[in-house]
Amino acid sequence: MESYVKPQHEARAKIIKAMAHPSRLFIIEELSKHERCVGELTEMIGSDASTVSKHLSVLKNAGLVTDEKRGNSIYYSLRVPCIMQFMGCVEDVLSANAKQHNAILKCCKG
């Protein structure tokens, strides 16, 4: 049987999988505002530095973030800020789902 999964779909899936964690989504959102170092993100997330570093590594390996060493600190930023357009689309899906759910509830209460 021939596979219809193309390399571009596998590459896209890798990026989406890298984002598929609440903390990583939070990091992406924060980095869309401005660059941050691990310490800042650790404080915001309320996790330990090694966990945050691991999340940043996943995002970096997927090509979503970039880092720059300055003195003793490493600053992270979004490599492609347009990823926030994808997040906007995800919000549209959530909104559509909520509207559908509310319509079903109204129908059943009728």
C-alpha atoms as a PDB file:
ATOM      1  CA  MET A   1       0.000   0.000   0.000  1.00  0.00           C
ATOM      2  CA  GLU A   2       1.368   3.397  -0.985  1.00  0.00           C
ATOM      3  CA  SER A   3       1.824   6.010   1.733  1.00  0.00           C
ATOM      4  CA  TYR A   4       0.265   9.404   1.114  1.00  0.00           C
ATOM      5  CA  VAL A   5       2.125  11.109   3.944  1.00  0.00           C
ATOM      6  CA  LYS A   6       4.546  13.518   2.356  1.00  0.00           C
ATOM      7  CA  PRO A   7       7.756  14.793   3.938  1.00  0.00           C
ATOM      8  CA  GLN A   8       6.190  18.262   4.254  1.00  0.00           C
ATOM      9  CA  HIS A   9       3.376  16.780   6.376  1.00  0.00           C
ATOM     10  CA  GLU A  10       5.902  15.071   8.625  1.00  0.00           C
ATOM     11  CA  ALA A  11       7.835  18.344   8.958  1.00  0.00           C
ATOM     12  CA  ARG A  12       4.636  20.223   9.828  1.00  0.00           C
ATOM     13  CA  ALA A  13       3.666  17.573  12.375  1.00  0.00           C
ATOM     14  CA  LYS A  14       7.083  17.927  14.056  1.00  0.00           C
ATOM     15  CA  ILE A  15       6.489  21.658  14.547  1.00  0.00           C
ATOM     16  CA  ILE A  16       2.940  21.184  15.819  1.00  0.00           C
ATOM     17  CA  LYS A  17       4.095  18.424  18.198  1.00  0.00           C
ATOM     18  CA  ALA A  18       6.763  20.772  19.574  1.00  0.00           C
ATOM     19  CA  MET A  19       4.047  23.303  20.414  1.00  0.00           C
ATOM     20  CA  ALA A  20       1.686  20.704  21.891  1.00  0.00           C
ATOM     21  CA  HIS A  21       2.243  21.475  25.568  1.00  0.00           C
ATOM     22  CA  PRO A  22       0.596  24.206  27.664  1.00  0.00           C
ATOM     23  CA  SER A  23       3.932  25.522  28.966  1.00  0.00           C
ATOM     24  CA  ARG A  24       5.399  25.691  25.470  1.00  0.00           C
ATOM     25  CA  LEU A  25       2.325  27.541  24.199  1.00  0.00           C
ATOM     26  CA  PHE A  26       2.767  29.977  27.077  1.00  0.00           C
ATOM     27  CA  ILE A  27       6.459  30.429  26.189  1.00  0.00           C
ATOM     28  CA  ILE A  28       5.593  31.116  22.549  1.00  0.00           C
ATOM     29  CA  GLU A  29       3.012  33.684  23.619  1.00  0.00           C
ATOM     30  CA  GLU A  30       5.458  35.414  25.970  1.00  0.00           C
ATOM     31  CA  LEU A  31       8.231  35.436  23.377  1.00  0.00           C
ATOM     32  CA  SER A  32       5.825  37.030  20.890  1.00  0.00           C
ATOM     33  CA  LYS A  33       5.769  40.050  23.227  1.00  0.00           C
ATOM     34  CA  HIS A  34       9.551  40.284  23.708  1.00  0.00           C
ATOM     35  CA  GLU A  35      12.638  38.188  24.318  1.00  0.00           C
ATOM     36  CA  ARG A  36      13.067  36.461  27.655  1.00  0.00           C
ATOM     37  CA  CYS A  37      15.752  34.563  29.539  1.00  0.00           C
ATOM     38  CA  VAL A  38      15.209  31.211  31.251  1.00  0.00           C
ATOM     39  CA  GLY A  39      14.994  32.828  34.693  1.00  0.00           C
ATOM     40  CA  GLU A  40      12.154  35.115  33.648  1.00  0.00           C
ATOM     41  CA  LEU A  41      10.207  32.274  32.044  1.00  0.00           C
ATOM     42  CA  THR A  42      10.840  29.993  35.021  1.00  0.00           C
ATOM     43  CA  GLU A  43       9.371  32.604  37.366  1.00  0.00           C
ATOM     44  CA  MET A  44       6.353  33.178  35.107  1.00  0.00           C
ATOM     45  CA  ILE A  45       5.600  29.474  34.608  1.00  0.00           C
ATOM     46  CA  GLY A  46       6.292  28.499  38.208  1.00  0.00           C
ATOM     47  CA  SER A  47       8.424  25.530  37.248  1.00  0.00           C
ATOM     48  CA  ASP A  48      12.082  24.689  37.750  1.00  0.00           C
ATOM     49  CA  ALA A  49      14.751  26.022  35.384  1.00  0.00           C
ATOM     50  CA  SER A  50      15.656  22.581  34.017  1.00  0.00           C
ATOM     51  CA  THR A  51      12.054  21.937  32.938  1.00  0.00           C
ATOM     52  CA  VAL A  52      11.786  25.347  31.271  1.00  0.00           C
ATOM     53  CA  SER A  53      15.145  24.793  29.572  1.00  0.00           C
ATOM     54  CA  LYS A  54      13.886  21.482  28.231  1.00  0.00           C
ATOM     55  CA  HIS A  55      10.750  23.160  26.828  1.00  0.00           C
ATOM     56  CA  LEU A  56      12.924  25.827  25.196  1.00  0.00           C
ATOM     57  CA  SER A  57      15.149  23.120  23.723  1.00  0.00           C
ATOM     58  CA  VAL A  58      12.129  21.405  22.148  1.00  0.00           C
ATOM     59  CA  LEU A  59      10.983  24.710  20.650  1.00  0.00           C
ATOM     60  CA  LYS A  60      14.495  25.526  19.442  1.00  0.00           C
ATOM     61  CA  ASN A  61      14.969  22.097  17.829  1.00  0.00           C
ATOM     62  CA  ALA A  62      11.685  22.600  15.956  1.00  0.00           C
ATOM     63  CA  GLY A  63      12.954  25.952  14.674  1.00  0.00           C
ATOM     64  CA  LEU A  64      10.408  28.034  16.561  1.00  0.00           C
ATOM     65  CA  VAL A  65      12.768  29.930  18.853  1.00  0.00           C
ATOM     66  CA  THR A  66      16.286  31.218  18.651  1.00  0.00           C
ATOM     67  CA  ASP A  67      18.715  32.078  21.412  1.00  0.00           C
ATOM     68  CA  GLU A  68      21.480  34.594  21.951  1.00  0.00           C
ATOM     69  CA  LYS A  69      24.087  34.449  24.710  1.00  0.00           C
ATOM     70  CA  ARG A  70      24.784  37.757  26.429  1.00  0.00           C
ATOM     71  CA  GLY A  71      27.202  37.586  29.318  1.00  0.00           C
ATOM     72  CA  ASN A  72      26.002  34.854  31.656  1.00  0.00           C
ATOM     73  CA  SER A  73      22.441  34.856  30.302  1.00  0.00           C
ATOM     74  CA  ILE A  74      20.830  33.324  27.244  1.00  0.00           C
ATOM     75  CA  TYR A  75      17.949  35.271  25.749  1.00  0.00           C
ATOM     76  CA  TYR A  76      15.263  33.531  23.720  1.00  0.00           C
ATOM     77  CA  SER A  77      13.042  35.038  21.057  1.00  0.00           C
ATOM     78  CA  LEU A  78      10.579  33.799  18.458  1.00  0.00           C
ATOM     79  CA  ARG A  79      12.329  32.901  15.239  1.00  0.00           C
ATOM     80  CA  VAL A  80       9.135  33.356  13.223  1.00  0.00           C
ATOM     81  CA  PRO A  81       6.629  35.726  14.875  1.00  0.00           C
ATOM     82  CA  CYS A  82       4.016  34.738  12.259  1.00  0.00           C
ATOM     83  CA  ILE A  83       3.387  31.610  14.369  1.00  0.00           C
ATOM     84  CA  MET A  84       0.973  33.835  16.294  1.00  0.00           C
ATOM     85  CA  GLN A  85      -1.294  33.842  13.221  1.00  0.00           C
ATOM     86  CA  PHE A  86      -1.633  30.089  13.736  1.00  0.00           C
ATOM     87  CA  MET A  87      -2.509  30.733  17.388  1.00  0.00           C
ATOM     88  CA  GLY A  88      -5.209  33.149  16.228  1.00  0.00           C
ATOM     89  CA  CYS A  89      -6.638  30.418  14.037  1.00  0.00           C
ATOM     90  CA  VAL A  90      -6.649  28.019  17.005  1.00  0.00           C
ATOM     91  CA  GLU A  91      -8.604  30.645  18.982  1.00  0.00           C
ATOM     92  CA  ASP A  92     -11.131  30.840  16.113  1.00  0.00           C
ATOM     93  CA  VAL A  93     -11.612  27.054  16.309  1.00  0.00           C
ATOM     94  CA  LEU A  94     -12.128  27.272  20.085  1.00  0.00           C
ATOM     95  CA  SER A  95     -14.686  30.047  19.600  1.00  0.00           C
ATOM     96  CA  ALA A  96     -16.556  28.090  16.917  1.00  0.00           C
ATOM     97  CA  ASN A  97     -16.597  25.011  19.146  1.00  0.00           C
ATOM     98  CA  ALA A  98     -17.963  27.038  22.073  1.00  0.00           C
ATOM     99  CA  LYS A  99     -20.729  28.529  19.911  1.00  0.00           C
ATOM    100  CA  GLN A 100     -21.704  25.073  18.671  1.00  0.00           C
ATOM    101  CA  HIS A 101     -21.686  23.703  22.211  1.00  0.00           C
ATOM    102  CA  ASN A 102     -23.885  26.591  23.431  1.00  0.00           C
ATOM    103  CA  ALA A 103     -26.319  26.051  20.538  1.00  0.00           C
ATOM    104  CA  ILE A 104     -26.626  22.376  21.461  1.00  0.00           C
ATOM    105  CA  LEU A 105     -27.235  23.263  25.119  1.00  0.00           C
ATOM    106  CA  LYS A 106     -29.955  25.791  24.183  1.00  0.00           C
ATOM    107  CA  CYS A 107     -31.603  23.209  21.946  1.00  0.00           C
ATOM    108  CA  CYS A 108     -31.658  20.572  24.675  1.00  0.00           C
ATOM    109  CA  LYS A 109     -32.988  22.942  27.356  1.00  0.00           C
ATOM    110  CA  GLY A 110     -35.694  24.160  24.956  1.00  0.00           C
END
